[in-house]
Structure formats: C-alpha cells, structure tokens
Protein backbone atom coordinates (compact mmCIF):
# COMPACT_ATOMS: atom_id res chain seq x y z
CA UNK A 1 -0.17 0.51 0.10
CA UNK A 2 1.89 3.67 -0.59
CA UNK A 3 1.68 6.18 1.38
CA UNK A 4 -0.92 9.06 0.75
CA UNK A 5 1.54 12.38 -0.74
CA UNK A 6 1.99 14.84 2.24
CA UNK A 7 2.05 18.77 1.98
CA UNK A 8 2.22 20.81 4.54
CA UNK A 9 -0.52 23.76 5.47
CA UNK A 10 2.22 26.46 5.16
CA UNK A 11 2.96 25.51 1.70
CA UNK A 12 0.04 24.61 0.56
CA UNK A 13 -1.61 27.65 1.64
CA UNK A 14 1.58 29.87 -0.15
CA UNK A 15 1.59 27.53 -3.39
CA UNK A 16 -2.41 28.38 -3.79
CA UNK A 17 -1.84 32.16 -2.59
CA UNK A 18 0.85 32.21 -5.56
CA UNK A 19 -1.14 30.61 -8.08
CA UNK A 20 -3.57 33.45 -7.69
CA UNK A 21 -0.45 36.58 -7.25
CA UNK A 22 0.64 35.00 -10.78
CA UNK A 23 -3.32 35.37 -11.87
CA UNK A 24 -4.03 38.55 -10.77
CA UNK A 25 -1.08 39.86 -12.74
CA UNK A 26 -1.74 39.40 -15.49
CA UNK A 27 -4.74 41.69 -15.91
CA UNK A 28 -4.35 45.57 -16.20
CA UNK A 29 -4.24 47.50 -13.74
CA UNK A 30 -7.74 49.65 -11.99
CA UNK A 31 -7.28 52.44 -9.96
CA UNK A 32 -9.53 54.35 -8.06
CA UNK A 33 -8.91 57.65 -7.16
CA UNK A 34 -10.51 60.01 -4.70
CA UNK A 35 -11.27 63.67 -6.33
CA UNK A 36 -13.22 66.45 -4.57
CA UNK A 37 -16.80 65.36 -5.64
CA UNK A 38 -16.32 61.59 -5.06
CA UNK A 39 -14.93 58.97 -6.54
CA UNK A 40 -13.52 57.65 -9.58
CA UNK A 41 -12.69 54.31 -11.79
CA UNK A 42 -10.22 54.38 -13.45
CA UNK A 43 -9.18 51.19 -16.19
CA UNK A 44 -7.36 49.87 -19.07
CA UNK A 45 -10.02 48.05 -20.70
CA UNK A 46 -10.15 47.95 -24.80
CA UNK A 47 -13.32 45.48 -24.39
CA UNK A 48 -17.03 47.33 -25.23
CA UNK A 49 -18.20 44.22 -23.77
CA UNK A 50 -16.83 43.32 -19.91
CA UNK A 51 -17.03 45.67 -17.70
CA UNK A 52 -14.58 45.78 -15.33
CA UNK A 53 -16.37 48.71 -12.37
CA UNK A 54 -20.24 47.99 -12.10
CA UNK A 55 -23.24 49.76 -10.14
CA UNK A 56 -23.99 47.77 -6.89
CA UNK A 57 -26.62 49.81 -5.54
CA UNK A 58 -27.23 53.99 -5.15
CA UNK A 59 -23.77 54.70 -4.06
CA UNK A 60 -21.66 51.77 -4.04
CA UNK A 61 -20.01 50.27 -6.61
CA UNK A 62 -17.43 47.04 -7.65
CA UNK A 63 -14.63 46.53 -9.43
CA UNK A 64 -12.54 43.94 -9.53
CA UNK A 65 -9.24 42.70 -11.43
CA UNK A 66 -7.92 39.17 -12.69
CA UNK A 67 -10.91 36.32 -14.48
CA UNK A 68 -13.42 38.09 -15.69
CA UNK A 69 -16.19 34.85 -14.70
CA UNK A 70 -14.91 34.56 -11.25
CA UNK A 71 -15.62 38.01 -9.98
CA UNK A 72 -18.92 38.89 -12.31
CA UNK A 73 -20.58 35.80 -10.47
CA UNK A 74 -19.07 38.00 -7.18
CA UNK A 75 -20.24 40.82 -8.77
CA UNK A 76 -24.16 39.57 -9.42
CA UNK A 77 -24.29 37.76 -5.74
CA UNK A 78 -23.79 41.51 -4.48
CA UNK A 79 -26.36 42.84 -6.34
CA UNK A 80 -28.42 40.17 -5.40
CA UNK A 81 -27.71 40.55 -1.88
CA UNK A 82 -28.42 44.67 -1.83
CA UNK A 83 -31.71 44.59 -3.96
CA UNK A 84 -32.88 41.79 -0.96
CA UNK A 85 -31.43 44.22 2.00
CA UNK A 86 -32.68 47.24 0.67
CA UNK A 87 -36.14 45.75 -0.32
CA UNK A 88 -36.59 43.74 3.49
CA UNK A 89 -35.48 46.89 5.41
CA UNK A 90 -34.25 49.88 4.57
CA UNK A 91 -31.99 51.13 1.90
CA UNK A 92 -30.16 52.74 3.96
CA UNK A 93 -29.43 49.28 5.40
CA UNK A 94 -27.79 49.01 2.80
CA UNK A 95 -23.00 49.98 3.16
CA UNK A 96 -20.14 49.10 1.25
CA UNK A 97 -18.32 48.00 4.49
CA UNK A 98 -21.61 45.30 4.63
CA UNK A 99 -20.52 44.24 1.48
CA UNK A 100 -16.79 43.43 2.12
CA UNK A 101 -18.19 41.62 4.66
CA UNK A 102 -19.73 39.32 3.06
CA UNK A 103 -18.05 39.07 -0.39
CA UNK A 104 -14.67 38.84 2.29
CA UNK A 105 -16.25 35.71 4.08
CA UNK A 106 -17.54 33.80 -0.13
CA UNK A 107 -13.35 34.46 -0.84
CA UNK A 108 -11.66 32.82 2.38
CA UNK A 109 -13.36 29.96 2.22
CA UNK A 110 -12.95 29.25 -1.19
CA UNK A 111 -9.29 29.88 -0.28
CA UNK A 112 -9.18 27.72 2.32
CA UNK A 113 -11.78 24.48 0.94
CA UNK A 114 -8.67 22.40 -0.38
CA UNK A 115 -11.64 20.84 -3.41
CA UNK A 116 -11.54 23.85 -5.26
CA UNK A 117 -8.83 26.85 -6.37
CA UNK A 118 -8.90 29.74 -4.93
CA UNK A 119 -10.36 32.84 -6.93
CA UNK A 120 -8.03 34.55 -9.58
CA UNK A 121 -9.74 37.97 -8.48
CA UNK A 122 -9.08 40.93 -6.82
CA UNK A 123 -12.33 42.99 -5.51
CA UNK A 124 -12.76 46.71 -5.32
CA UNK A 125 -16.04 48.10 -2.95
CA UNK A 126 -16.67 51.89 -2.93
CA UNK A 127 -18.96 53.39 -0.96
CA UNK A 128 -19.66 57.76 -2.10
CA UNK A 129 -20.88 59.74 1.28
CA UNK A 130 -22.60 63.00 1.61
CA UNK A 131 -18.84 64.21 2.36
CA UNK A 132 -15.67 63.45 1.03
CA UNK A 133 -14.12 62.18 4.45
CA UNK A 134 -17.35 60.37 4.56
CA UNK A 135 -16.33 58.34 1.09
CA UNK A 136 -14.79 54.22 1.99
CA UNK A 137 -13.30 52.24 -0.54
CA UNK A 138 -12.55 48.65 0.46
CA UNK A 139 -10.36 46.30 -1.34
CA UNK A 140 -10.35 42.92 -1.12
CA UNK A 141 -7.79 40.30 -1.90
CA UNK A 142 -8.01 37.37 -3.00
CA UNK A 143 -7.76 35.80 -0.02
CA UNK A 144 -10.76 37.26 2.24
CA UNK A 145 -8.44 40.21 3.67
CA UNK A 146 -10.08 43.14 3.32
CA UNK A 147 -8.07 46.83 3.21
CA UNK A 148 -9.55 50.45 4.21
CA UNK A 149 -8.01 52.37 1.36
CA UNK A 150 -7.52 56.46 1.38
CA UNK A 151 -7.61 59.13 -1.49
CA UNK A 152 -6.47 56.58 -3.83
CA UNK A 153 -5.94 52.62 -4.02
CA UNK A 154 -4.45 50.05 -7.60
CA UNK A 155 -4.56 46.71 -7.91
CA UNK A 156 -3.57 44.21 -10.73
CA UNK A 157 -0.95 44.85 -13.42
CA UNK A 158 1.45 46.11 -12.65
CA UNK A 159 0.47 48.23 -8.99
CA UNK A 160 2.99 48.99 -7.16
CA UNK A 161 4.54 51.21 -10.68
CA UNK A 162 1.05 52.76 -10.85
CA UNK A 163 0.55 53.66 -6.45
CA UNK A 164 3.65 54.70 -6.31
CA UNK A 165 2.69 57.28 -9.61
CA UNK A 166 0.06 58.20 -8.08
CA UNK A 167 2.16 58.65 -4.64
CA UNK A 168 4.49 60.97 -5.06
CA UNK A 169 1.79 63.33 -7.68
CA UNK A 170 -1.32 63.24 -5.70
CA UNK A 171 -3.25 65.74 -3.77
CA UNK A 172 -6.43 66.46 -1.88
CA UNK A 173 -9.22 68.51 -3.73
CA UNK A 174 -8.34 67.65 -6.64
CA UNK A 175 -11.56 68.20 -9.82
CA UNK A 176 -13.17 65.80 -12.03
CA UNK A 177 -10.78 66.14 -14.55
CA UNK A 178 -7.61 66.91 -13.41
CA UNK A 179 -7.92 63.18 -10.95
CA UNK A 180 -8.76 61.50 -14.94
CA UNK A 181 -5.92 62.90 -16.20
CA UNK A 182 -3.54 61.77 -13.45
CA UNK A 183 -5.38 58.51 -13.46
CA UNK A 184 -4.82 57.83 -16.76
CA UNK A 185 -0.99 58.95 -16.71
CA UNK A 186 -0.40 56.80 -13.81
CA UNK A 187 -1.56 53.42 -15.80
CA UNK A 188 0.54 54.90 -19.31
CA UNK A 189 3.69 55.05 -16.31
CA UNK A 190 6.27 52.29 -16.85
CA UNK A 191 9.08 51.38 -15.54
CA UNK A 192 10.87 52.08 -19.17
CA UNK A 193 8.78 54.23 -21.03
CA UNK A 194 5.88 55.81 -20.26
CA UNK A 195 2.70 55.01 -23.08
CA UNK A 196 -0.12 57.57 -24.04
CA UNK A 197 -3.29 54.82 -23.58
CA UNK A 198 -6.21 56.17 -26.43
CA UNK A 199 -9.74 57.14 -25.06
CA UNK A 200 -11.52 54.52 -26.36
CA UNK A 201 -9.48 51.92 -24.40
CA UNK A 202 -10.49 53.66 -21.05
CA UNK A 203 -13.47 52.87 -19.30
CA UNK A 204 -13.88 55.56 -16.37
CA UNK A 205 -16.71 55.77 -13.69
CA UNK A 206 -17.67 57.70 -11.22
CA UNK A 207 -19.81 57.74 -8.18
CA UNK A 208 -20.70 61.84 -7.86
CA UNK A 209 -22.82 62.77 -4.63
CA UNK A 210 -23.29 66.66 -6.61
CA UNK A 211 -26.08 64.14 -8.86
CA UNK A 212 -29.70 64.76 -7.99
CA UNK A 213 -30.80 61.23 -8.21
CA UNK A 214 -30.17 58.53 -5.86
CA UNK A 215 -28.22 56.66 -8.09
CA UNK A 216 -24.44 58.60 -7.56
CA UNK A 217 -22.63 56.27 -10.20
CA UNK A 218 -22.08 57.94 -14.13
CA UNK A 219 -20.37 55.62 -16.97
CA UNK A 220 -18.14 58.74 -18.53
CA UNK A 221 -18.27 58.43 -22.63
CA UNK A 222 -14.93 57.89 -24.54
CA UNK A 223 -16.41 61.70 -26.08
CA UNK A 224 -16.27 63.38 -22.63
CA UNK A 225 -12.64 60.89 -22.34
CA UNK A 226 -11.56 62.53 -25.36
CA UNK A 227 -12.75 66.65 -24.32
CA UNK A 228 -10.70 65.67 -21.03
CA UNK A 229 -7.60 64.21 -22.02
CA UNK A 230 -7.49 66.19 -25.38
CA UNK A 231 -7.26 63.26 -27.22
CA UNK A 232 -8.81 62.98 -30.91
CA UNK A 233 -10.79 59.74 -32.12
CA UNK A 234 -8.50 57.13 -33.88
CA UNK A 235 -10.75 56.69 -37.04
CA UNK A 236 -10.83 59.94 -37.57
CA UNK A 237 -9.76 60.91 -40.42
CA UNK A 238 -7.94 63.18 -41.28
CA UNK A 239 -8.87 66.62 -43.20
CA UNK A 240 -8.18 67.82 -46.94
CA UNK A 241 -5.74 70.98 -47.06
CA UNK A 242 -8.28 74.08 -48.62
CA UNK A 243 -7.74 74.93 -52.13
CA UNK A 244 -5.19 77.91 -51.37
CA UNK A 245 -6.83 81.00 -53.00
CA UNK A 246 -5.86 83.48 -56.31
CA UNK A 247 -3.85 86.23 -54.53
CA UNK A 248 -5.87 88.89 -56.88
CA UNK A 249 -9.88 88.95 -57.67
CA UNK A 250 -10.54 86.54 -60.66
CA UNK A 251 -10.73 87.42 -64.11
CA UNK A 252 -13.63 87.55 -65.66
CA UNK A 253 -14.15 84.81 -68.76
CA UNK A 254 -14.61 86.14 -71.44
CA UNK A 255 -17.72 86.33 -73.79
CA UNK A 256 -18.75 84.08 -75.98
CA UNK A 257 -19.88 84.83 -79.38
CA UNK A 258 -22.64 83.82 -81.35
CA UNK A 259 -21.55 84.13 -85.73
CA UNK A 260 -25.33 84.31 -87.10
CA UNK A 261 -23.90 83.29 -90.54
CA UNK A 262 -21.39 79.88 -89.31
CA UNK A 263 -23.73 76.90 -89.40
CA UNK A 264 -23.84 75.10 -86.11
CA UNK A 265 -20.81 72.41 -85.11
CA UNK A 266 -18.45 74.43 -88.36
CA UNK A 267 -15.48 76.46 -87.18
CA UNK A 268 -15.52 80.54 -87.50
CA UNK A 269 -13.73 81.41 -90.45
CA UNK A 270 -10.28 83.46 -89.15
CA UNK A 271 -9.54 86.79 -90.09
CA UNK A 272 -7.10 87.73 -92.31
C-alpha cells in the first residue's frame, strides 16, 4: 500500500496564494482616486462588452481585476444581496462595509477550501458619502483579507509602479478632470517608458455625490474622455487642406460670341 503524498498546510496555502497572485498580475490595473465630488474609477479595458467597473447599489460601486467569470459571479451575488437587504429593511441598511464583509467571507471560504482552486481576483467595494470624509473604499484580496484604502488605490497588473506614481503626484481636492488625467497617466507609467492610453481603451466611471438622483454611479463616455484628455479619436480621418485662394480677383471669362453666318458645328472663319 502506497503512502499518500503529504504537503504541509503552510506550503499548501503558499502555493495557492502564489497561484492566485500570478493570475491577478496578468490583468491590467484598475485605479480608484478620490476627488472633490466623489470617487473616480479608471481601468484600461479595450473590450466594450466586459466591464471591470459596475454599479452595485445607489451609492456603491464594484471594481475587479482577474478572471472575468469569477468576479462577475461575485458582482451578481452582491447586487442580489443589496437588493434583498434594501427591500426587506431599508435602503440605508445597504452599506459598502456590509458588502465588503460578505465578499470577504466568500473569498476566505473558497481560498481555505481544498476542494477547489482559489479565485484569481481582487476587488474594490466603494461607497460615496455625503462628504469627502465619509467616502469608503475597501480592497479585498483573493484570500478574503479586507483593507480600507485612503485617497487612492491600485490593484492588478503593475500595481506597484502605478501606486508610486500616484503617491508622488496626488493631492487633496482634485477636480474630476484633474483626477482623471492623473489616473490615466499613472496607468500608462512604466519603469522603462511611459505610454499614452487611447481614450477608446479606457473604462471610466464615477460615484458623484453631487448628482440629484439616488443613484450616484455614472459612466464617462469616450467622447467625454477625449475632451478631457485632449485626444482625437483614432479612426477620425485627417481633414483635407483647403484649396489655396488666388492672390487677386479672378478675371471674368471672355464672352462667347455667336456668328449668325456660321452653321452649328462649323468653325468660324479666321480673320486675315
């Protein structure tokens, strides 16, 4: 009888954590930046069908990196939980902290279980308050840990270099457009050479506390992004140069004289 293969619990958890980190690092980064009137989410996402940033409830947004099918299942579960809690009790009972705790329990259970692989995702759960001091951003890792972020946060991809860029340039009280330009520049920052991300490859959304309706979530369209970032659409044809105008007034055309003695189709006689 062969002996079963033994792996220590510490090594098993380390292997599962390394597996999840590698999957998350393959994705593109998502940044959340607090500005004067709310919270801004910016991600590089060329796909128009798959969203990394979505609305959960009136004042709550969800952002994720990693495997789409895994974080999409969690997003749908969060929407259902928020709707049920708001319907059963009160809409004010739905909070970002409560959703973050629910996600933490789910992720922690999956990570600790030996029957399935850990989720290769990281999540932001953000709630905009009545004032800047009331804004809350929670970052959840693949193993269920919850970290409350301040002012700005980045996850996925080259998170370290993007975070360093934001740390050196971020300041309180930024406007929405200033925060957007800073976040896009940070996502394009690289240790070797910076790059410019086209507006059509960006997914941007805000939780804007100044909106009059209950729902504070709003997506920014590519046309708005091009206006803020000063980038022209990639497929816009170049305008043709206008024809040069003559320096002086055009001379009138010589009038055509008709000789009644000449039949149609014949050339007039040449004068001697």
